[in-house]
Each structure stands twice: as C-alpha cells, then as structure tokens.
C-alpha atoms as a PDB file:
ATOM      1  CA  UNK A   1    -168.110 -47.266 -50.823  1.00  0.00           C
ATOM      2  CA  UNK A   2    -167.365 -48.427 -47.014  1.00  0.00           C
ATOM      3  CA  UNK A   3    -168.966 -51.499 -45.735  1.00  0.00           C
ATOM      4  CA  UNK A   4    -170.704 -51.017 -42.333  1.00  0.00           C
ATOM      5  CA  UNK A   5    -170.682 -53.756 -39.850  1.00  0.00           C
ATOM      6  CA  UNK A   6    -173.322 -54.409 -37.048  1.00  0.00           C
ATOM      7  CA  UNK A   7    -171.414 -55.103 -33.810  1.00  0.00           C
ATOM      8  CA  UNK A   8    -173.462 -56.987 -31.173  1.00  0.00           C
ATOM      9  CA  UNK A   9    -172.052 -57.857 -27.896  1.00  0.00           C
ATOM     10  CA  UNK A  10    -174.345 -59.919 -25.931  1.00  0.00           C
ATOM     11  CA  UNK A  11    -174.640 -61.579 -22.289  1.00  0.00           C
ATOM     12  CA  UNK A  12    -174.591 -65.299 -21.822  1.00  0.00           C
ATOM     13  CA  UNK A  13    -178.281 -65.516 -21.709  1.00  0.00           C
ATOM     14  CA  UNK A  14    -178.338 -63.870 -25.095  1.00  0.00           C
ATOM     15  CA  UNK A  15    -179.605 -60.369 -24.139  1.00  0.00           C
ATOM     16  CA  UNK A  16    -178.110 -57.603 -26.124  1.00  0.00           C
ATOM     17  CA  UNK A  17    -175.281 -55.847 -24.429  1.00  0.00           C
ATOM     18  CA  UNK A  18    -173.069 -53.057 -26.174  1.00  0.00           C
ATOM     19  CA  UNK A  19    -174.091 -52.796 -29.912  1.00  0.00           C
ATOM     20  CA  UNK A  20    -172.983 -50.295 -32.684  1.00  0.00           C
ATOM     21  CA  UNK A  21    -172.330 -49.964 -36.425  1.00  0.00           C
ATOM     22  CA  UNK A  22    -168.877 -49.640 -37.488  1.00  0.00           C
ATOM     23  CA  UNK A  23    -166.902 -49.130 -40.592  1.00  0.00           C
ATOM     24  CA  UNK A  24    -165.024 -52.087 -41.844  1.00  0.00           C
ATOM     25  CA  UNK A  25    -161.405 -50.940 -42.361  1.00  0.00           C
ATOM     26  CA  UNK A  26    -159.751 -54.166 -43.391  1.00  0.00           C
ATOM     27  CA  UNK A  27    -157.823 -57.133 -42.206  1.00  0.00           C
ATOM     28  CA  UNK A  28    -154.347 -58.245 -41.254  1.00  0.00           C
ATOM     29  CA  UNK A  29    -152.565 -61.126 -39.550  1.00  0.00           C
ATOM     30  CA  UNK A  30    -154.227 -60.073 -36.328  1.00  0.00           C
ATOM     31  CA  UNK A  31    -157.814 -60.259 -37.618  1.00  0.00           C
ATOM     32  CA  UNK A  32    -160.645 -57.872 -38.674  1.00  0.00           C
ATOM     33  CA  UNK A  33    -160.378 -54.113 -37.952  1.00  0.00           C
ATOM     34  CA  UNK A  34    -163.382 -51.838 -37.525  1.00  0.00           C
ATOM     35  CA  UNK A  35    -163.484 -48.271 -36.819  1.00  0.00           C
ATOM     36  CA  UNK A  36    -165.410 -45.036 -35.924  1.00  0.00           C
ATOM     37  CA  UNK A  37    -164.360 -41.383 -35.716  1.00  0.00           C
ATOM     38  CA  UNK A  38    -164.894 -39.208 -32.568  1.00  0.00           C
ATOM     39  CA  UNK A  39    -168.539 -38.302 -31.954  1.00  0.00           C
ATOM     40  CA  UNK A  40    -170.210 -41.352 -33.072  1.00  0.00           C
ATOM     41  CA  UNK A  41    -172.544 -43.507 -30.990  1.00  0.00           C
ATOM     42  CA  UNK A  42    -173.137 -46.741 -29.409  1.00  0.00           C
ATOM     43  CA  UNK A  43    -175.832 -48.302 -27.220  1.00  0.00           C
ATOM     44  CA  UNK A  44    -176.040 -50.389 -24.242  1.00  0.00           C
ATOM     45  CA  UNK A  45    -178.906 -52.975 -24.997  1.00  0.00           C
ATOM     46  CA  UNK A  46    -181.922 -50.952 -26.422  1.00  0.00           C
ATOM     47  CA  UNK A  47    -180.976 -47.948 -24.231  1.00  0.00           C
ATOM     48  CA  UNK A  48    -180.317 -44.420 -25.465  1.00  0.00           C
ATOM     49  CA  UNK A  49    -177.219 -43.411 -27.523  1.00  0.00           C
ATOM     50  CA  UNK A  50    -174.011 -43.299 -25.935  1.00  0.00           C
ATOM     51  CA  UNK A  51    -171.568 -40.678 -27.618  1.00  0.00           C
ATOM     52  CA  UNK A  52    -168.036 -41.735 -28.101  1.00  0.00           C
ATOM     53  CA  UNK A  53    -165.690 -38.724 -27.828  1.00  0.00           C
ATOM     54  CA  UNK A  54    -162.598 -39.986 -29.349  1.00  0.00           C
ATOM     55  CA  UNK A  55    -161.852 -42.009 -32.410  1.00  0.00           C
ATOM     56  CA  UNK A  56    -161.302 -45.894 -31.890  1.00  0.00           C
ATOM     57  CA  UNK A  57    -160.849 -49.028 -33.750  1.00  0.00           C
ATOM     58  CA  UNK A  58    -162.064 -52.413 -32.820  1.00  0.00           C
ATOM     59  CA  UNK A  59    -160.049 -55.828 -33.483  1.00  0.00           C
ATOM     60  CA  UNK A  60    -161.832 -59.028 -33.897  1.00  0.00           C
ATOM     61  CA  UNK A  61    -159.248 -61.608 -33.650  1.00  0.00           C
ATOM     62  CA  UNK A  62    -159.647 -65.119 -35.412  1.00  0.00           C
ATOM     63  CA  UNK A  63    -160.507 -67.883 -32.869  1.00  0.00           C
ATOM     64  CA  UNK A  64    -159.477 -66.102 -29.722  1.00  0.00           C
ATOM     65  CA  UNK A  65    -161.557 -65.290 -26.673  1.00  0.00           C
ATOM     66  CA  UNK A  66    -161.296 -61.618 -26.778  1.00  0.00           C
ATOM     67  CA  UNK A  67    -161.843 -58.435 -28.816  1.00  0.00           C
ATOM     68  CA  UNK A  68    -159.738 -55.072 -28.233  1.00  0.00           C
ATOM     69  CA  UNK A  69    -160.533 -51.495 -28.652  1.00  0.00           C
ATOM     70  CA  UNK A  70    -157.525 -49.051 -29.355  1.00  0.00           C
ATOM     71  CA  UNK A  71    -158.875 -45.575 -28.420  1.00  0.00           C
ATOM     72  CA  UNK A  72    -157.293 -42.082 -29.729  1.00  0.00           C
ATOM     73  CA  UNK A  73    -155.749 -39.498 -27.523  1.00  0.00           C
ATOM     74  CA  UNK A  74    -156.666 -38.018 -25.003  1.00  0.00           C
ATOM     75  CA  UNK A  75    -158.730 -40.807 -23.942  1.00  0.00           C
ATOM     76  CA  UNK A  76    -157.236 -42.179 -20.633  1.00  0.00           C
ATOM     77  CA  UNK A  77    -157.777 -45.783 -21.570  1.00  0.00           C
ATOM     78  CA  UNK A  78    -155.605 -46.388 -24.358  1.00  0.00           C
ATOM     79  CA  UNK A  79    -156.528 -50.245 -24.828  1.00  0.00           C
ATOM     80  CA  UNK A  80    -159.592 -51.885 -23.676  1.00  0.00           C
ATOM     81  CA  UNK A  81    -159.870 -55.590 -24.057  1.00  0.00           C
ATOM     82  CA  UNK A  82    -163.321 -57.451 -23.573  1.00  0.00           C
ATOM     83  CA  UNK A  83    -162.850 -61.156 -22.711  1.00  0.00           C
ATOM     84  CA  UNK A  84    -165.636 -62.743 -24.876  1.00  0.00           C
ATOM     85  CA  UNK A  85    -166.573 -65.977 -26.524  1.00  0.00           C
ATOM     86  CA  UNK A  86    -164.575 -65.946 -30.000  1.00  0.00           C
ATOM     87  CA  UNK A  87    -166.354 -63.436 -32.324  1.00  0.00           C
ATOM     88  CA  UNK A  88    -168.677 -65.178 -34.746  1.00  0.00           C
ATOM     89  CA  UNK A  89    -169.270 -63.505 -38.197  1.00  0.00           C
ATOM     90  CA  UNK A  90    -173.236 -64.047 -38.767  1.00  0.00           C
ATOM     91  CA  UNK A  91    -172.591 -62.431 -42.110  1.00  0.00           C
ATOM     92  CA  UNK A  92    -169.911 -60.102 -43.746  1.00  0.00           C
ATOM     93  CA  UNK A  93    -172.047 -57.381 -42.261  1.00  0.00           C
ATOM     94  CA  UNK A  94    -172.710 -58.849 -38.695  1.00  0.00           C
ATOM     95  CA  UNK A  95    -170.298 -59.901 -35.972  1.00  0.00           C
ATOM     96  CA  UNK A  96    -171.513 -61.320 -32.448  1.00  0.00           C
ATOM     97  CA  UNK A  97    -169.916 -62.382 -29.210  1.00  0.00           C
ATOM     98  CA  UNK A  98    -170.703 -62.944 -25.735  1.00  0.00           C
ATOM     99  CA  UNK A  99    -169.301 -60.581 -23.214  1.00  0.00           C
ATOM    100  CA  UNK A 100    -167.740 -62.807 -20.209  1.00  0.00           C
ATOM    101  CA  UNK A 101    -167.402 -59.633 -18.016  1.00  0.00           C
ATOM    102  CA  UNK A 102    -163.537 -59.699 -17.544  1.00  0.00           C
ATOM    103  CA  UNK A 103    -161.550 -56.900 -19.106  1.00  0.00           C
ATOM    104  CA  UNK A 104    -157.948 -55.961 -19.566  1.00  0.00           C
ATOM    105  CA  UNK A 105    -157.097 -52.202 -19.827  1.00  0.00           C
ATOM    106  CA  UNK A 106    -153.794 -50.125 -20.486  1.00  0.00           C
ATOM    107  CA  UNK A 107    -153.665 -46.561 -19.217  1.00  0.00           C
ATOM    108  CA  UNK A 108    -152.268 -44.039 -21.686  1.00  0.00           C
ATOM    109  CA  UNK A 109    -150.577 -41.989 -18.926  1.00  0.00           C
ATOM    110  CA  UNK A 110    -148.211 -44.656 -17.216  1.00  0.00           C
ATOM    111  CA  UNK A 111    -148.946 -47.784 -19.238  1.00  0.00           C
ATOM    112  CA  UNK A 112    -150.497 -49.491 -16.166  1.00  0.00           C
ATOM    113  CA  UNK A 113    -152.347 -52.593 -17.394  1.00  0.00           C
ATOM    114  CA  UNK A 114    -155.189 -54.070 -15.304  1.00  0.00           C
ATOM    115  CA  UNK A 115    -157.444 -57.045 -15.151  1.00  0.00           C
ATOM    116  CA  UNK A 116    -160.865 -55.613 -14.055  1.00  0.00           C
ATOM    117  CA  UNK A 117    -164.403 -56.685 -13.365  1.00  0.00           C
ATOM    118  CA  UNK A 118    -163.404 -59.840 -11.545  1.00  0.00           C
ATOM    119  CA  UNK A 119    -166.353 -59.217  -9.105  1.00  0.00           C
ATOM    120  CA  UNK A 120    -168.839 -59.078 -12.110  1.00  0.00           C
ATOM    121  CA  UNK A 121    -167.343 -62.314 -13.649  1.00  0.00           C
ATOM    122  CA  UNK A 122    -167.718 -64.120 -10.232  1.00  0.00           C
ATOM    123  CA  UNK A 123    -171.373 -62.818  -9.979  1.00  0.00           C
ATOM    124  CA  UNK A 124    -172.326 -63.836 -13.565  1.00  0.00           C
ATOM    125  CA  UNK A 125    -170.842 -67.307 -13.224  1.00  0.00           C
ATOM    126  CA  UNK A 126    -173.580 -67.975 -10.749  1.00  0.00           C
ATOM    127  CA  UNK A 127    -176.464 -65.940 -12.416  1.00  0.00           C
ATOM    128  CA  UNK A 128    -175.676 -67.082 -15.788  1.00  0.00           C
ATOM    129  CA  UNK A 129    -174.391 -70.651 -14.946  1.00  0.00           C
ATOM    130  CA  UNK A 130    -171.194 -70.335 -17.068  1.00  0.00           C
ATOM    131  CA  UNK A 131    -170.015 -73.861 -17.800  1.00  0.00           C
ATOM    132  CA  UNK A 132    -166.295 -74.728 -16.349  1.00  0.00           C
ATOM    133  CA  UNK A 133    -164.884 -74.650 -19.738  1.00  0.00           C
ATOM    134  CA  UNK A 134    -166.033 -71.209 -20.453  1.00  0.00           C
ATOM    135  CA  UNK A 135    -164.620 -69.974 -17.187  1.00  0.00           C
ATOM    136  CA  UNK A 136    -161.383 -71.569 -17.862  1.00  0.00           C
ATOM    137  CA  UNK A 137    -161.090 -70.078 -21.348  1.00  0.00           C
ATOM    138  CA  UNK A 138    -162.131 -66.714 -20.016  1.00  0.00           C
ATOM    139  CA  UNK A 139    -159.583 -66.698 -17.182  1.00  0.00           C
ATOM    140  CA  UNK A 140    -156.714 -67.982 -19.447  1.00  0.00           C
ATOM    141  CA  UNK A 141    -157.549 -65.107 -21.915  1.00  0.00           C
ATOM    142  CA  UNK A 142    -157.410 -62.712 -19.057  1.00  0.00           C
ATOM    143  CA  UNK A 143    -153.930 -63.830 -18.048  1.00  0.00           C
ATOM    144  CA  UNK A 144    -152.640 -63.980 -21.661  1.00  0.00           C
ATOM    145  CA  UNK A 145    -154.099 -60.409 -22.203  1.00  0.00           C
ATOM    146  CA  UNK A 146    -152.638 -59.158 -19.224  1.00  0.00           C
ATOM    147  CA  UNK A 147    -149.148 -60.321 -20.274  1.00  0.00           C
ATOM    148  CA  UNK A 148    -149.408 -59.527 -23.951  1.00  0.00           C
ATOM    149  CA  UNK A 149    -151.205 -55.761 -23.397  1.00  0.00           C
ATOM    150  CA  UNK A 150    -148.611 -55.033 -20.498  1.00  0.00           C
ATOM    151  CA  UNK A 151    -145.652 -56.066 -22.621  1.00  0.00           C
ATOM    152  CA  UNK A 152    -146.804 -54.411 -25.827  1.00  0.00           C
ATOM    153  CA  UNK A 153    -146.531 -57.598 -27.667  1.00  0.00           C
ATOM    154  CA  UNK A 154    -148.426 -57.169 -31.022  1.00  0.00           C
ATOM    155  CA  UNK A 155    -151.223 -56.311 -31.938  1.00  0.00           C
ATOM    156  CA  UNK A 156    -150.990 -54.214 -28.594  1.00  0.00           C
ATOM    157  CA  UNK A 157    -147.798 -52.537 -29.678  1.00  0.00           C
ATOM    158  CA  UNK A 158    -148.107 -50.322 -32.835  1.00  0.00           C
ATOM    159  CA  UNK A 159    -150.244 -52.647 -35.262  1.00  0.00           C
ATOM    160  CA  UNK A 160    -153.403 -50.610 -34.459  1.00  0.00           C
ATOM    161  CA  UNK A 161    -151.719 -47.083 -35.468  1.00  0.00           C
ATOM    162  CA  UNK A 162    -152.432 -47.159 -39.155  1.00  0.00           C
ATOM    163  CA  UNK A 163    -156.066 -48.406 -38.735  1.00  0.00           C
ATOM    164  CA  UNK A 164    -156.668 -45.622 -36.076  1.00  0.00           C
ATOM    165  CA  UNK A 165    -155.373 -43.058 -38.248  1.00  0.00           C
ATOM    166  CA  UNK A 166    -157.896 -43.979 -40.953  1.00  0.00           C
ATOM    167  CA  UNK A 167    -160.675 -42.787 -38.566  1.00  0.00           C
ATOM    168  CA  UNK A 168    -158.795 -40.289 -36.674  1.00  0.00           C
ATOM    169  CA  UNK A 169    -157.825 -38.012 -39.777  1.00  0.00           C
ATOM    170  CA  UNK A 170    -160.584 -38.477 -42.274  1.00  0.00           C
ATOM    171  CA  UNK A 171    -163.349 -37.856 -40.028  1.00  0.00           C
ATOM    172  CA  UNK A 172    -165.485 -40.112 -41.981  1.00  0.00           C
ATOM    173  CA  UNK A 173    -168.434 -41.353 -39.976  1.00  0.00           C
ATOM    174  CA  UNK A 174    -170.161 -44.733 -40.217  1.00  0.00           C
ATOM    175  CA  UNK A 175    -172.241 -43.393 -43.022  1.00  0.00           C
ATOM    176  CA  UNK A 176    -169.285 -42.422 -45.274  1.00  0.00           C
ATOM    177  CA  UNK A 177    -168.621 -43.907 -48.463  1.00  0.00           C
END
C-alpha cells in the first residue's frame, strides 16, 4: 500500500501557500522523494485545484534550505527549486516548510539555469520581517543551487530519473496502493 504525504508550503507569517498530497516513493542519500503522475492537482492556499499537466517528483533534502521539483517532459522547466526553511517532518505523513520566495530553475530546452523572484524576496523581507540569518541562509542557498543545478551536480544530474520513472510509467495517482 502506498503512503500519502501532505506537503504544506507556508509563507513566513504561517499562512498556507502551495499544498498537495503526494505519494511517498522512498529515500536515498539525497533525501526523501515524493511523486505524482500527470493530471494530479495541488492548491495555492485554500484556492481551487490547480492541475499538473506532467508527472513530477519532489525531493526534500535533509537539513538544507531548499526543495526541488523534477518535471517530466515536455514541461519547459525541467527543475524548479524553491528556497525554503529546512523541511520539517511533522509526522511520517506530513512535511512543511516556509517558502522564502527565491527560486532556481533549469530550462529543459537549453539547460539555462536562473535565479528568479529576487523582487518578491526583497518585498517579503520587509513585509514579513525576515531575520538577517534567514536572509543570509536564503541567499547562500540560492548561490549554491545556481551552481549545483547549472553544473548538473547530484541530485540535479540523473539521481531523479528512477524516481520520476516510478510515477511517469505506472500512472498511479495519489490514491493508488
């Protein structure tokens, strides 16, 4: 039977941001891997369902200030890393973290790697009163991710492939088991 995990990204004030239920795929040296097939859904806050057109896996590293989404083709964004507080496992069935706005993405077509949403990060430093140590950790993670994702260092090389194949090929949704 497959185990479902509730994934809750929050904003610094504690409000619910992106949230979804994902299938626990397993763990390796990089962290915990969760996945969803194409045509699954997620929500922003308490808003309506947002359909996900391709399969994807999400990596929750241990004690790092980021999470990483690996999207199946033909999605233009191959990798999408959210700079966050370190993921906290509330229970084996729930993980939560604070989204700190900065993101690192890698485009599938040409491998371009970008640090994005610096304007939102600057705005939210004021709005939410990010402490200096949170700002420093977020900025350091952004720099590290830009280099690691851009160079294809693991887990941003091929480590995700077998995990993504688990949800791309079997078509098992979050209620499978």
